Amino acid sequence: GLLHQMDVYITWFSANQGRQADPVFPGIVDTVMAALRYSMPNPAELTDPATGLTSSVYNVGETMKYRVGIEATADERWLRYDALIQVTCWESINA
């Protein structure tokens, strides 16, 4: 099989409204990671539209790394939250 690594970027803007602003974004990141980890079907049978070749993609999200950052925007009433999730998946080309 071929091991692929994909980068998933998440950007979210939030009004800086006290203690409730910061805890929301980690929940968003967790939700995206759970959707990747439990994606169905597993394995997924895919066909390349250009070549007609088929492959099986499996174990999406078995290994993930992430980084989260917070920055103020030009209008400092808003905060910009960014996350980079690096996701692996395997592909087996059907010959």
C-alpha atoms as a PDB file:
ATOM      1  CA  GLY A   1       0.000   0.000   0.000  1.00  0.00           C
ATOM      2  CA  LEU A   2       0.864   3.664  -0.318  1.00  0.00           C
ATOM      3  CA  LEU A   3       0.899   5.828   2.804  1.00  0.00           C
ATOM      4  CA  HIS A   4      -0.476   9.319   2.133  1.00  0.00           C
ATOM      5  CA  GLN A   5      -0.368  12.352   4.408  1.00  0.00           C
ATOM      6  CA  MET A   6      -2.978  15.068   3.966  1.00  0.00           C
ATOM      7  CA  ASP A   7      -3.102  18.493   5.562  1.00  0.00           C
ATOM      8  CA  VAL A   8      -6.489  19.686   6.802  1.00  0.00           C
ATOM      9  CA  TYR A   9      -6.744  23.397   7.641  1.00  0.00           C
ATOM     10  CA  ILE A  10      -9.439  24.880   9.874  1.00  0.00           C
ATOM     11  CA  THR A  11      -9.942  28.626  10.312  1.00  0.00           C
ATOM     12  CA  TRP A  12     -12.591  30.106  12.585  1.00  0.00           C
ATOM     13  CA  PHE A  13     -13.307  33.680  13.648  1.00  0.00           C
ATOM     14  CA  SER A  14     -14.879  34.479  17.005  1.00  0.00           C
ATOM     15  CA  ALA A  15     -15.858  37.627  18.797  1.00  0.00           C
ATOM     16  CA  ASN A  16     -13.760  37.861  21.936  1.00  0.00           C
ATOM     17  CA  GLN A  17     -16.596  37.440  24.408  1.00  0.00           C
ATOM     18  CA  GLY A  18     -15.021  36.432  27.670  1.00  0.00           C
ATOM     19  CA  ARG A  19     -14.268  32.963  28.963  1.00  0.00           C
ATOM     20  CA  GLN A  20     -16.676  31.187  26.606  1.00  0.00           C
ATOM     21  CA  ALA A  21     -14.783  32.169  23.426  1.00  0.00           C
ATOM     22  CA  ASP A  22     -11.652  30.031  23.772  1.00  0.00           C
ATOM     23  CA  PRO A  23     -13.136  26.644  24.780  1.00  0.00           C
ATOM     24  CA  VAL A  24     -15.265  26.388  21.614  1.00  0.00           C
ATOM     25  CA  PHE A  25     -12.447  25.998  19.067  1.00  0.00           C
ATOM     26  CA  PRO A  26     -10.814  22.865  20.553  1.00  0.00           C
ATOM     27  CA  GLY A  27     -14.239  21.231  20.353  1.00  0.00           C
ATOM     28  CA  ILE A  28     -14.409  22.104  16.655  1.00  0.00           C
ATOM     29  CA  VAL A  29     -10.969  20.544  16.094  1.00  0.00           C
ATOM     30  CA  ASP A  30     -12.002  17.417  18.037  1.00  0.00           C
ATOM     31  CA  THR A  31     -15.181  17.103  15.940  1.00  0.00           C
ATOM     32  CA  VAL A  32     -13.245  17.265  12.661  1.00  0.00           C
ATOM     33  CA  MET A  33     -10.716  14.704  13.928  1.00  0.00           C
ATOM     34  CA  ALA A  34     -13.524  12.346  15.002  1.00  0.00           C
ATOM     35  CA  ALA A  35     -15.194  12.667  11.584  1.00  0.00           C
ATOM     36  CA  LEU A  36     -11.919  11.710   9.905  1.00  0.00           C
ATOM     37  CA  ARG A  37     -11.191   8.858  12.311  1.00  0.00           C
ATOM     38  CA  TYR A  38     -14.654   7.259  12.015  1.00  0.00           C
ATOM     39  CA  SER A  39     -15.258   7.931   8.308  1.00  0.00           C
ATOM     40  CA  MET A  40     -17.239   5.240   6.521  1.00  0.00           C
ATOM     41  CA  PRO A  41     -16.996   3.146   4.477  1.00  0.00           C
ATOM     42  CA  ASN A  42     -13.624   1.821   5.560  1.00  0.00           C
ATOM     43  CA  PRO A  43     -12.143   0.734   3.207  1.00  0.00           C
ATOM     44  CA  ALA A  44     -13.587   2.984   0.526  1.00  0.00           C
ATOM     45  CA  GLU A  45     -13.417   1.753  -3.062  1.00  0.00           C
ATOM     46  CA  LEU A  46     -12.527   4.681  -5.333  1.00  0.00           C
ATOM     47  CA  THR A  47     -12.157   5.084  -9.113  1.00  0.00           C
ATOM     48  CA  ASP A  48      -9.827   7.633 -10.709  1.00  0.00           C
ATOM     49  CA  PRO A  49     -12.046   9.506 -13.208  1.00  0.00           C
ATOM     50  CA  ALA A  50      -9.118  10.234 -15.539  1.00  0.00           C
ATOM     51  CA  THR A  51      -7.638   6.721 -15.780  1.00  0.00           C
ATOM     52  CA  GLY A  52     -10.454   4.452 -14.620  1.00  0.00           C
ATOM     53  CA  LEU A  53      -8.058   2.711 -12.182  1.00  0.00           C
ATOM     54  CA  THR A  54      -9.559   1.632  -8.884  1.00  0.00           C
ATOM     55  CA  SER A  55      -8.032   1.661  -5.431  1.00  0.00           C
ATOM     56  CA  SER A  56      -9.001   1.048  -1.842  1.00  0.00           C
ATOM     57  CA  VAL A  57      -8.463   3.823   0.700  1.00  0.00           C
ATOM     58  CA  TYR A  58      -8.444   2.718   4.319  1.00  0.00           C
ATOM     59  CA  ASN A  59      -7.404   3.635   7.855  1.00  0.00           C
ATOM     60  CA  VAL A  60      -8.042   7.351   7.410  1.00  0.00           C
ATOM     61  CA  GLY A  61      -7.095   9.174  10.593  1.00  0.00           C
ATOM     62  CA  GLU A  62      -5.276   6.310  12.299  1.00  0.00           C
ATOM     63  CA  THR A  63      -2.389   8.710  12.845  1.00  0.00           C
ATOM     64  CA  MET A  64      -3.042  12.436  13.287  1.00  0.00           C
ATOM     65  CA  LYS A  65      -0.982  15.364  14.500  1.00  0.00           C
ATOM     66  CA  TYR A  66      -2.336  18.846  15.041  1.00  0.00           C
ATOM     67  CA  ARG A  67      -1.304  22.404  15.872  1.00  0.00           C
ATOM     68  CA  VAL A  68      -3.581  25.209  17.002  1.00  0.00           C
ATOM     69  CA  GLY A  69      -2.915  28.954  16.919  1.00  0.00           C
ATOM     70  CA  ILE A  70      -4.784  32.076  17.998  1.00  0.00           C
ATOM     71  CA  GLU A  71      -4.212  35.584  16.625  1.00  0.00           C
ATOM     72  CA  ALA A  72      -5.911  38.941  16.935  1.00  0.00           C
ATOM     73  CA  THR A  73      -7.231  40.414  13.687  1.00  0.00           C
ATOM     74  CA  ALA A  74      -6.872  44.037  12.581  1.00  0.00           C
ATOM     75  CA  ASP A  75     -10.189  44.624  14.322  1.00  0.00           C
ATOM     76  CA  GLU A  76      -9.140  43.403  17.776  1.00  0.00           C
ATOM     77  CA  ARG A  77     -12.712  42.619  18.746  1.00  0.00           C
ATOM     78  CA  TRP A  78     -12.287  39.415  16.728  1.00  0.00           C
ATOM     79  CA  LEU A  79      -9.913  36.509  17.214  1.00  0.00           C
ATOM     80  CA  ARG A  80      -8.743  34.195  14.439  1.00  0.00           C
ATOM     81  CA  TYR A  81      -8.293  30.548  15.393  1.00  0.00           C
ATOM     82  CA  ASP A  82      -6.306  28.279  13.084  1.00  0.00           C
ATOM     83  CA  ALA A  83      -5.578  24.575  13.203  1.00  0.00           C
ATOM     84  CA  LEU A  84      -3.514  22.307  11.002  1.00  0.00           C
ATOM     85  CA  ILE A  85      -4.340  18.618  11.232  1.00  0.00           C
ATOM     86  CA  GLN A  86      -1.958  16.213   9.498  1.00  0.00           C
ATOM     87  CA  VAL A  87      -3.860  13.037   8.638  1.00  0.00           C
ATOM     88  CA  THR A  88      -2.564   9.755   7.253  1.00  0.00           C
ATOM     89  CA  CYS A  89      -4.403   7.240   5.119  1.00  0.00           C
ATOM     90  CA  TRP A  90      -3.445   4.139   3.198  1.00  0.00           C
ATOM     91  CA  GLU A  91      -4.184   3.396  -0.442  1.00  0.00           C
ATOM     92  CA  SER A  92      -4.015   0.022  -2.098  1.00  0.00           C
ATOM     93  CA  ILE A  93      -4.140   0.182  -5.900  1.00  0.00           C
ATOM     94  CA  ASN A  94      -6.246  -2.607  -7.351  1.00  0.00           C
ATOM     95  CA  ALA A  95      -4.402  -4.220 -10.256  1.00  0.00           C
END
